[in-house]
Amino acid sequence: MTTHVTHTGPSVAGRRAGYAVAMAVNLVLLFLVNVSPGWQAVPFLTESTTEVLLLVNLTMLVAVVANAVYSVFDPPWVRALGDAVTTSVGLASLVRIWQVFPFDFDTTSVPWDLLARWVIGVGIVGCVVAIIVALARFVRALAAPEADR
């Protein structure tokens, strides 16, 4: 005898709590980076950080807006579209960070420059994959019968 169990996922309240936590984390990060203590407090960031700051801030702001939308309205197609948008902005940030590379790790014998480049590169590849997956989820959600949306 076989038993089939369908997993329905997190409850609406659970999802909303997750969206609220994501918004709070991004808002706290925006405050820490831009107000107090500010990005200048991080010893390995150079003055060229200002060249990437707009996109980094935009990434966090878009995530806040997306999670605010999800808190009110979160069908699969909205989340998939929001994931594609937020990840695309994140990808733009990572590409700009790669180009500018606003880090100075010269005070150590550890090859942090190489490690940082690898991490950024993996992040770029991960974003590309995530965008493809989110767009596929978006198309799939739109193609689903009305009852499943």
Protein backbone atom coordinates (compact mmCIF):
# COMPACT_ATOMS: atom_id res chain seq x y z
CA MET A 1 0.00 0.00 0.00
CA THR A 2 1.34 3.42 -0.95
CA THR A 3 0.56 6.67 0.70
CA HIS A 4 0.87 9.88 -1.22
CA VAL A 5 1.58 13.05 0.74
CA THR A 6 1.46 16.43 -0.95
CA HIS A 7 3.68 19.13 0.48
CA THR A 8 1.89 22.47 0.31
CA GLY A 9 4.80 24.66 1.40
CA PRO A 10 4.92 27.32 4.08
CA SER A 11 1.74 28.94 5.32
CA VAL A 12 0.75 32.44 4.27
CA ALA A 13 1.71 33.72 7.72
CA GLY A 14 5.07 31.97 7.51
CA ARG A 15 5.78 33.45 4.08
CA ARG A 16 4.79 36.93 5.25
CA ALA A 17 7.09 36.62 8.24
CA GLY A 18 9.91 35.64 5.90
CA TYR A 19 9.20 38.64 3.67
CA ALA A 20 9.24 40.93 6.72
CA VAL A 21 12.58 39.51 7.88
CA ALA A 22 14.06 39.96 4.38
CA MET A 23 12.85 43.58 4.28
CA ALA A 24 14.28 44.27 7.75
CA VAL A 25 17.67 42.75 6.88
CA ASN A 26 17.96 44.81 3.70
CA LEU A 27 16.89 48.01 5.47
CA VAL A 28 19.43 47.42 8.25
CA LEU A 29 22.15 46.79 5.64
CA LEU A 30 21.22 50.00 3.82
CA PHE A 31 21.53 51.90 7.10
CA LEU A 32 24.87 50.29 8.01
CA VAL A 33 26.39 50.90 4.56
CA ASN A 34 25.14 54.45 4.06
CA VAL A 35 24.67 55.99 7.51
CA SER A 36 26.37 54.38 10.46
CA PRO A 37 29.06 53.22 10.55
CA GLY A 38 29.14 53.60 6.75
CA TRP A 39 31.11 51.70 4.15
CA GLN A 40 34.20 53.80 5.01
CA ALA A 41 34.50 51.88 8.30
CA VAL A 42 35.41 48.70 6.43
CA PRO A 43 39.23 48.76 6.23
CA PHE A 44 39.63 46.87 2.94
CA LEU A 45 37.17 49.02 0.94
CA THR A 46 38.77 51.74 -1.18
CA GLU A 47 37.45 55.12 -2.28
CA SER A 48 36.33 53.48 -5.55
CA THR A 49 33.54 51.87 -3.52
CA THR A 50 31.52 54.96 -4.41
CA GLU A 51 31.53 53.70 -8.02
CA VAL A 52 29.57 50.58 -7.04
CA LEU A 53 27.49 51.96 -4.19
CA LEU A 54 24.54 53.08 -6.31
CA LEU A 55 24.00 49.58 -7.73
CA VAL A 56 24.58 47.91 -4.36
CA ASN A 57 22.00 50.22 -2.77
CA LEU A 58 19.61 49.64 -5.67
CA THR A 59 19.94 45.88 -5.17
CA MET A 60 18.87 46.19 -1.55
CA LEU A 61 16.07 48.67 -2.33
CA VAL A 62 14.63 46.46 -5.08
CA ALA A 63 14.68 43.53 -2.65
CA VAL A 64 12.79 45.62 -0.07
CA VAL A 65 10.16 46.62 -2.65
CA ALA A 66 9.80 43.05 -3.95
CA ASN A 67 9.32 41.68 -0.43
CA ALA A 68 6.81 44.41 0.35
CA VAL A 69 4.83 43.38 -2.75
CA TYR A 70 5.08 39.71 -1.78
CA SER A 71 3.74 40.56 1.69
CA VAL A 72 0.50 41.72 0.09
CA PHE A 73 0.29 39.60 -3.05
CA ASP A 74 2.46 36.53 -3.58
CA PRO A 75 1.17 34.16 -6.24
CA PRO A 76 3.92 32.08 -7.88
CA TRP A 77 4.09 34.23 -11.01
CA VAL A 78 4.64 37.41 -8.96
CA ARG A 79 7.40 35.81 -6.89
CA ALA A 80 9.06 34.39 -10.00
CA LEU A 81 8.98 37.76 -11.75
CA GLY A 82 10.22 39.51 -8.62
CA ASP A 83 13.04 36.99 -8.25
CA ALA A 84 14.08 37.59 -11.87
CA VAL A 85 14.10 41.36 -11.36
CA THR A 86 15.92 41.35 -8.01
CA THR A 87 18.49 38.86 -9.24
CA SER A 88 19.07 40.89 -12.41
CA VAL A 89 19.83 43.99 -10.36
CA GLY A 90 22.10 41.89 -8.14
CA LEU A 91 23.87 40.61 -11.26
CA ALA A 92 24.43 44.19 -12.44
CA SER A 93 25.92 44.99 -9.01
CA LEU A 94 28.27 42.02 -9.11
CA VAL A 95 29.43 42.82 -12.64
CA ARG A 96 30.15 46.41 -11.59
CA ILE A 97 31.99 45.21 -8.47
CA TRP A 98 34.06 42.90 -10.71
CA GLN A 99 34.89 45.84 -13.01
CA VAL A 100 35.78 48.33 -10.29
CA PHE A 101 37.07 45.86 -7.67
CA PRO A 102 36.97 48.35 -4.79
CA PHE A 103 39.05 46.23 -2.43
CA ASP A 104 42.58 46.57 -1.05
CA PHE A 105 43.91 43.39 0.51
CA ASP A 106 47.63 44.23 0.24
CA THR A 107 48.28 44.03 3.98
CA THR A 108 48.16 40.24 4.14
CA SER A 109 50.00 37.29 2.65
CA VAL A 110 46.69 35.51 1.95
CA PRO A 111 45.64 35.91 -1.73
CA TRP A 112 42.35 37.61 -0.83
CA ASP A 113 42.20 39.36 -4.24
CA LEU A 114 42.04 35.99 -5.99
CA LEU A 115 39.55 34.59 -3.49
CA ALA A 116 37.33 37.67 -3.81
CA ARG A 117 37.40 37.39 -7.62
CA TRP A 118 36.40 33.73 -7.38
CA VAL A 119 33.52 34.52 -5.03
CA ILE A 120 32.28 37.35 -7.26
CA GLY A 121 32.62 35.10 -10.33
CA VAL A 122 30.63 32.31 -8.69
CA GLY A 123 28.02 34.89 -7.68
CA ILE A 124 27.75 36.10 -11.29
CA VAL A 125 27.30 32.57 -12.61
CA GLY A 126 24.79 31.84 -9.84
CA CYS A 127 22.79 34.95 -10.74
CA VAL A 128 22.64 33.97 -14.41
CA VAL A 129 21.36 30.51 -13.47
CA ALA A 130 18.89 31.97 -10.98
CA ILE A 131 17.51 34.41 -13.57
CA ILE A 132 16.96 31.57 -16.04
CA VAL A 133 15.22 29.49 -13.37
CA ALA A 134 13.05 32.43 -12.24
CA LEU A 135 11.99 33.18 -15.82
CA ALA A 136 11.15 29.51 -16.37
CA ARG A 137 9.08 29.55 -13.15
CA PHE A 138 7.36 32.71 -14.36
CA VAL A 139 6.41 31.16 -17.72
CA ARG A 140 5.32 27.94 -16.02
CA ALA A 141 3.16 29.85 -13.53
CA LEU A 142 1.50 31.83 -16.32
CA ALA A 143 0.85 28.64 -18.30
CA ALA A 144 -0.74 26.91 -15.28
CA PRO A 145 -4.51 26.60 -15.18
CA GLU A 146 -6.25 29.55 -13.49
CA ALA A 147 -7.06 27.43 -10.40
CA ASP A 148 -3.34 26.78 -9.79
CA ARG A 149 -2.28 30.43 -9.98
